[in-house]
Protein backbone atom coordinates (compact mmCIF):
# COMPACT_ATOMS: atom_id res chain seq x y z
CA MET A 1 0.00 0.00 0.00
CA LYS A 2 1.36 3.41 -0.97
CA ASP A 3 1.56 6.44 1.30
CA ASP A 4 -1.05 8.40 -0.67
CA GLN A 5 -3.54 5.53 -0.34
CA LEU A 6 -3.67 5.74 3.45
CA THR A 7 -6.36 7.59 5.37
CA PRO A 8 -5.20 10.07 8.06
CA GLY A 9 -6.39 7.73 10.80
CA ARG A 10 -4.51 4.84 9.19
CA ARG A 11 -1.28 6.87 9.25
CA VAL A 12 -1.80 7.68 12.93
CA LEU A 13 -2.34 3.99 13.71
CA LEU A 14 0.82 2.95 11.93
CA ARG A 15 2.88 5.58 13.72
CA ALA A 16 1.31 4.78 17.06
CA ALA A 17 2.15 1.10 16.63
CA ALA A 18 5.75 2.08 16.03
CA VAL A 19 5.76 4.07 19.26
CA LEU A 20 3.93 1.66 21.55
CA GLY A 21 4.33 -1.76 19.96
CA LEU A 22 2.16 -4.74 20.88
CA ALA A 23 1.86 -5.79 24.51
CA THR A 24 0.71 -8.94 26.21
CA THR A 25 -2.79 -9.41 27.55
CA GLY A 26 -3.41 -8.74 31.22
CA ALA A 27 -6.06 -7.38 33.50
CA CYS A 28 -5.76 -3.93 34.95
CA GLY A 29 -8.02 -3.55 37.94
CA VAL A 30 -9.76 -0.21 38.40
CA SER A 31 -11.23 0.29 41.84
CA GLU A 32 -13.69 2.91 40.65
CA ALA A 33 -15.24 0.62 38.04
CA PRO A 34 -18.03 -1.76 39.07
CA SER A 35 -16.82 -5.27 39.84
CA THR A 36 -19.83 -6.66 37.96
CA PRO A 37 -20.68 -4.86 34.73
CA SER A 38 -24.13 -3.34 34.84
CA PRO A 39 -26.50 -4.14 31.98
CA SER A 40 -26.03 -1.90 29.00
CA ALA A 41 -28.44 0.45 27.40
CA SER A 42 -29.58 -2.53 25.39
CA GLY A 43 -31.09 -3.70 28.65
CA GLY A 44 -29.34 -6.92 28.66
CA ALA A 45 -26.57 -9.40 28.72
CA PRO A 46 -22.98 -8.20 28.96
CA ALA A 47 -22.09 -9.81 25.64
CA GLY A 48 -24.79 -7.86 23.79
CA GLY A 49 -24.86 -4.44 22.23
CA PRO A 50 -27.27 -1.58 21.63
CA GLN A 51 -28.95 -3.59 18.93
CA ALA A 52 -28.74 -7.13 17.57
CA ALA A 53 -25.06 -7.75 16.84
CA ARG A 54 -24.10 -7.95 13.21
CA ALA A 55 -21.35 -10.18 11.95
CA LEU A 56 -18.08 -8.37 12.51
CA LYS A 57 -16.35 -8.26 9.17
CA PRO A 58 -12.60 -7.70 8.89
CA SER A 59 -11.65 -4.03 8.88
CA ALA A 60 -10.57 -2.54 5.59
CA TYR A 61 -7.67 -0.93 7.44
CA ARG A 62 -5.18 -3.56 8.51
CA LEU A 63 -1.88 -2.85 10.21
CA GLN A 64 0.90 -3.27 7.66
CA PRO A 65 4.55 -2.41 8.23
CA ILE A 66 5.57 0.48 6.01
CA ALA A 67 9.09 1.84 5.90
CA GLY A 68 9.53 5.46 6.86
CA TYR A 69 6.65 5.73 9.33
CA GLY A 70 7.84 6.40 12.83
CA PRO A 71 7.34 8.74 15.77
CA GLN A 72 9.39 11.48 14.14
CA ARG A 73 6.76 11.79 11.41
CA ALA A 74 3.65 11.73 13.59
CA LYS A 75 1.29 14.61 12.82
CA ARG A 76 -0.20 14.74 16.32
CA ALA A 77 0.87 13.67 19.74
CA LEU A 78 -0.49 10.42 21.12
CA PRO A 79 -1.78 9.95 24.67
CA HIS A 80 0.25 7.81 27.01
CA VAL A 81 -1.08 4.42 28.05
CA ARG A 82 -3.10 4.86 31.22
CA LYS A 83 -3.72 2.27 33.92
CA ALA A 84 -7.17 3.61 34.78
CA PRO A 85 -9.77 5.62 32.89
CA ILE A 86 -10.33 9.33 33.47
CA LEU A 87 -13.29 9.71 35.84
CA ARG A 88 -13.68 13.48 35.96
CA MET A 89 -12.21 16.60 34.44
CA PRO A 90 -9.43 18.48 36.25
CA GLY A 91 -9.84 22.00 37.59
CA ARG A 92 -12.03 23.66 40.18
CA ASP A 93 -14.28 25.80 38.04
CA ARG A 94 -17.98 24.99 37.70
CA SER A 95 -17.64 22.98 34.51
CA MET A 96 -19.29 19.66 33.77
CA VAL A 97 -19.33 17.24 30.85
CA LEU A 98 -22.46 15.55 29.50
CA THR A 99 -21.91 12.24 27.69
CA PHE A 100 -24.30 10.01 25.77
CA ASP A 101 -23.56 6.37 24.91
CA ASP A 102 -24.63 3.66 22.47
CA GLY A 103 -26.04 5.78 19.62
CA PRO A 104 -26.70 7.40 17.38
CA ASP A 105 -30.37 6.47 17.25
CA PRO A 106 -32.60 8.43 14.84
CA ARG A 107 -35.49 8.17 17.31
CA TYR A 108 -33.75 9.96 20.18
CA THR A 109 -30.40 11.49 19.16
CA PRO A 110 -31.94 14.30 17.07
CA HIS A 111 -34.02 15.44 20.07
CA ILE A 112 -30.91 15.54 22.26
CA LEU A 113 -29.01 17.48 19.60
CA ARG A 114 -31.82 20.03 19.33
CA THR A 115 -31.89 20.58 23.10
CA LEU A 116 -28.12 21.04 23.22
CA ARG A 117 -28.26 23.42 20.28
CA LYS A 118 -31.03 25.46 21.89
CA HIS A 119 -28.82 26.12 24.91
CA ASP A 120 -25.56 26.39 22.94
CA VAL A 121 -24.02 23.49 24.85
CA ARG A 122 -21.42 20.99 23.65
CA ALA A 123 -21.46 17.34 24.74
CA MET A 124 -19.73 14.03 24.01
CA PHE A 125 -21.30 11.13 22.13
CA PHE A 126 -19.69 7.71 22.49
CA VAL A 127 -21.04 5.88 19.47
CA CYS A 128 -21.17 2.20 18.59
CA GLY A 129 -20.01 1.43 15.07
CA GLU A 130 -22.98 -0.75 14.18
CA MET A 131 -25.29 2.17 14.98
CA ALA A 132 -23.06 4.85 13.48
CA VAL A 133 -22.57 3.15 10.13
CA ASP A 134 -26.28 3.51 9.34
CA ASN A 135 -26.57 7.04 10.76
CA THR A 136 -23.58 8.91 9.45
CA ASP A 137 -25.77 11.97 8.89
CA LEU A 138 -26.17 12.21 12.66
CA LEU A 139 -22.40 11.89 13.14
CA ARG A 140 -21.87 14.80 10.78
CA GLU A 141 -24.54 16.81 12.60
CA MET A 142 -22.77 16.16 15.91
CA ALA A 143 -19.45 17.27 14.46
CA ASP A 144 -20.95 20.35 12.80
CA ASP A 145 -22.45 21.41 16.16
CA GLY A 146 -19.08 21.12 17.89
CA HIS A 147 -19.74 17.97 19.88
CA LEU A 148 -17.01 15.39 20.45
CA ILE A 149 -17.58 11.92 19.03
CA GLY A 150 -15.96 9.09 20.96
CA ASN A 151 -15.47 5.40 20.25
CA HIS A 152 -17.68 2.91 22.14
CA THR A 153 -16.65 -0.19 20.11
CA TRP A 154 -18.55 -1.74 17.24
CA SER A 155 -21.15 -3.95 18.94
CA HIS A 156 -20.79 -3.17 22.69
CA PRO A 157 -19.07 -6.37 23.86
CA LEU A 158 -17.52 -7.00 27.27
CA LEU A 159 -13.93 -6.24 26.29
CA PRO A 160 -12.09 -8.35 28.89
CA ARG A 161 -13.71 -11.42 27.34
CA LEU A 162 -12.14 -10.68 23.95
CA GLY A 163 -8.70 -11.53 22.68
CA ARG A 164 -6.48 -8.71 21.55
CA ALA A 165 -7.21 -9.15 17.83
CA ALA A 166 -10.98 -9.18 18.31
CA MET A 167 -10.79 -6.16 20.61
CA ARG A 168 -8.68 -4.27 18.11
CA GLU A 169 -11.22 -5.03 15.38
CA GLN A 170 -14.08 -3.71 17.53
CA ILE A 171 -12.27 -0.46 18.26
CA GLU A 172 -10.48 0.14 14.98
CA ARG A 173 -13.51 -0.46 12.80
CA THR A 174 -15.52 2.12 14.71
CA CYS A 175 -12.67 4.61 14.38
CA ASP A 176 -12.86 4.12 10.62
CA VAL A 177 -16.60 4.86 10.49
CA ILE A 178 -16.22 8.03 12.58
CA GLU A 179 -13.30 9.35 10.55
CA GLU A 180 -14.94 8.58 7.22
CA ALA A 181 -18.13 10.40 8.28
CA THR A 182 -16.58 13.45 9.94
CA GLY A 183 -13.06 13.72 8.55
CA GLU A 184 -11.56 13.44 12.03
CA PRO A 185 -10.54 10.34 14.00
CA PRO A 186 -11.97 10.04 17.52
CA ALA A 187 -9.79 11.26 20.37
CA TRP A 188 -11.77 9.55 23.16
CA PHE A 189 -12.69 5.96 23.95
CA ARG A 190 -15.11 4.43 26.45
CA ALA A 191 -15.23 0.72 27.23
CA PRO A 192 -18.72 -0.81 27.26
CA TYR A 193 -19.99 -1.39 30.81
CA GLY A 194 -16.95 0.50 32.09
CA ALA A 195 -15.01 -2.78 31.86
CA TRP A 196 -11.38 -2.02 31.03
CA ASN A 197 -8.21 -4.07 30.90
CA ARG A 198 -4.62 -3.55 29.81
CA ASN A 199 -5.33 -4.34 26.17
CA ALA A 200 -8.14 -1.79 26.07
CA PHE A 201 -5.89 0.97 27.39
CA GLN A 202 -3.02 0.03 25.07
CA LEU A 203 -5.10 -0.29 21.92
CA GLY A 204 -6.96 2.93 22.66
CA ALA A 205 -3.69 4.80 23.03
CA GLN A 206 -2.28 3.26 19.85
CA LEU A 207 -5.31 4.61 18.00
CA GLY A 208 -4.80 8.06 19.52
CA MET A 209 -7.60 8.00 22.11
CA GLU A 210 -7.88 8.81 25.80
CA PRO A 211 -10.03 6.53 28.01
CA LEU A 212 -12.97 8.35 29.60
CA ALA A 213 -15.30 6.83 32.20
CA TRP A 214 -17.77 8.89 34.26
CA THR A 215 -18.45 10.42 37.65
CA VAL A 216 -22.26 10.30 37.74
CA ASP A 217 -24.25 7.41 36.28
CA THR A 218 -27.85 8.39 35.65
CA LEU A 219 -28.76 4.70 35.24
CA ASP A 220 -31.11 5.82 32.51
CA TRP A 221 -30.70 2.45 30.80
CA THR A 222 -33.09 1.10 33.45
CA GLU A 223 -35.73 3.53 32.13
CA PRO A 224 -36.52 5.00 35.58
CA GLY A 225 -38.38 8.01 34.19
CA ALA A 226 -37.30 11.57 33.56
CA ALA A 227 -37.90 12.79 37.12
CA THR A 228 -35.48 10.21 38.57
CA ILE A 229 -32.83 10.98 35.97
CA VAL A 230 -33.12 14.71 36.72
CA ARG A 231 -32.80 14.03 40.44
CA ARG A 232 -29.63 11.98 39.94
CA VAL A 233 -28.00 14.68 37.81
CA ARG A 234 -28.89 17.37 40.36
CA ALA A 235 -27.49 15.30 43.23
CA GLY A 236 -24.23 14.57 41.41
CA ALA A 237 -23.56 17.99 39.92
CA GLY A 238 -20.18 19.46 40.77
CA PRO A 239 -16.92 20.78 39.31
CA GLY A 240 -15.35 18.39 36.83
CA VAL A 241 -18.22 15.91 36.92
CA VAL A 242 -18.77 13.66 33.89
CA VAL A 243 -22.40 12.57 33.52
CA LEU A 244 -23.27 9.28 31.82
CA SER A 245 -26.53 9.01 29.88
CA HIS A 246 -27.67 7.11 26.79
CA ASP A 247 -29.24 8.12 23.49
CA ALA A 248 -29.83 4.59 22.18
CA GLY A 249 -30.25 0.97 23.19
CA GLY A 250 -33.83 1.10 24.42
CA ASN A 251 -36.61 3.55 25.13
CA ARG A 252 -34.68 6.77 25.71
CA SER A 253 -37.66 9.14 25.84
CA GLY A 254 -37.00 9.61 29.57
CA SER A 255 -33.40 10.61 28.86
CA VAL A 256 -34.56 13.10 26.23
CA GLU A 257 -37.13 14.64 28.58
CA ALA A 258 -34.69 14.73 31.50
CA LEU A 259 -32.08 16.64 29.49
CA HIS A 260 -34.72 19.19 28.53
CA LYS A 261 -35.32 19.79 32.24
CA TYR A 262 -31.92 19.59 33.94
CA LEU A 263 -29.81 21.35 31.30
CA PRO A 264 -31.29 24.85 31.80
CA GLU A 265 -31.21 24.27 35.57
CA LEU A 266 -27.48 23.54 35.49
CA LEU A 267 -26.83 26.60 33.36
CA ASP A 268 -28.93 28.81 35.65
CA SER A 269 -26.93 27.48 38.61
CA GLY A 270 -23.72 28.72 37.04
CA TYR A 271 -22.40 25.48 35.61
CA ARG A 272 -20.57 25.54 32.31
CA LEU A 273 -21.33 22.47 30.18
CA THR A 274 -18.29 21.85 28.05
CA VAL A 275 -16.10 19.18 26.47
CA PRO A 276 -12.49 18.31 27.30
CA SER A 277 -9.45 19.14 25.22
CA ARG A 278 -8.02 16.39 23.04
CA TYR A 279 -5.55 14.97 25.53
CA MET A 280 -5.38 15.14 29.31
CA SER A 281 -2.16 15.60 31.23
């Protein structure tokens, strides 16, 4: 494959591999993460995803050794390999981050985007490749509105149950969909169920992504109703807080309604709803 045939994300992957290399599999315990993964927004088994899993075809972008690609030619810096995900944003100002997982879903994501646009607020969307590939128009709308699009794997598997090659395929293929739709590779990664291990951190870093978890879980995947979701966001609000919600994987009308209620309240209380910079120190 020639240099001019590579996508920008492909070049980053090749250079990152030269920097980090391949490492052996091993668990990396994170005390903040739940010991037993909670059901996903799909409402179900840990091995499932936001919708019926499709056959995972080989990625069109395979790692091939190419002479001349090394760290000295990297176009952007890569994050270091972390041993735990980021749980909240640094700093003491009244800033918070809203995140939405498992989409995009044409039934709910457009409503969330309209509410965010109405209040001129930016958020993060951690998308699953099998949802994103059929809704690239929503990915472009997110990017055009200034939201950050993160990688949430292809079909929402429990990553520690996968071998390194299968995990790489899940993550890399979703990177390809995001970059093809928006022109930019994702800079953030979130493991389904908050279940991380060493391979997840290493592969995420090789693909140029930081691992982001959350501070406040609205548990909206249980469909508790808008009032309960609002109450959980109010109770957890604070400087640097990262809020986890979902825009797909089930009936998310409660999540849509809750955002419509708590977002103006947070703004009126002096909170600044923002998104993080590309890499964290």
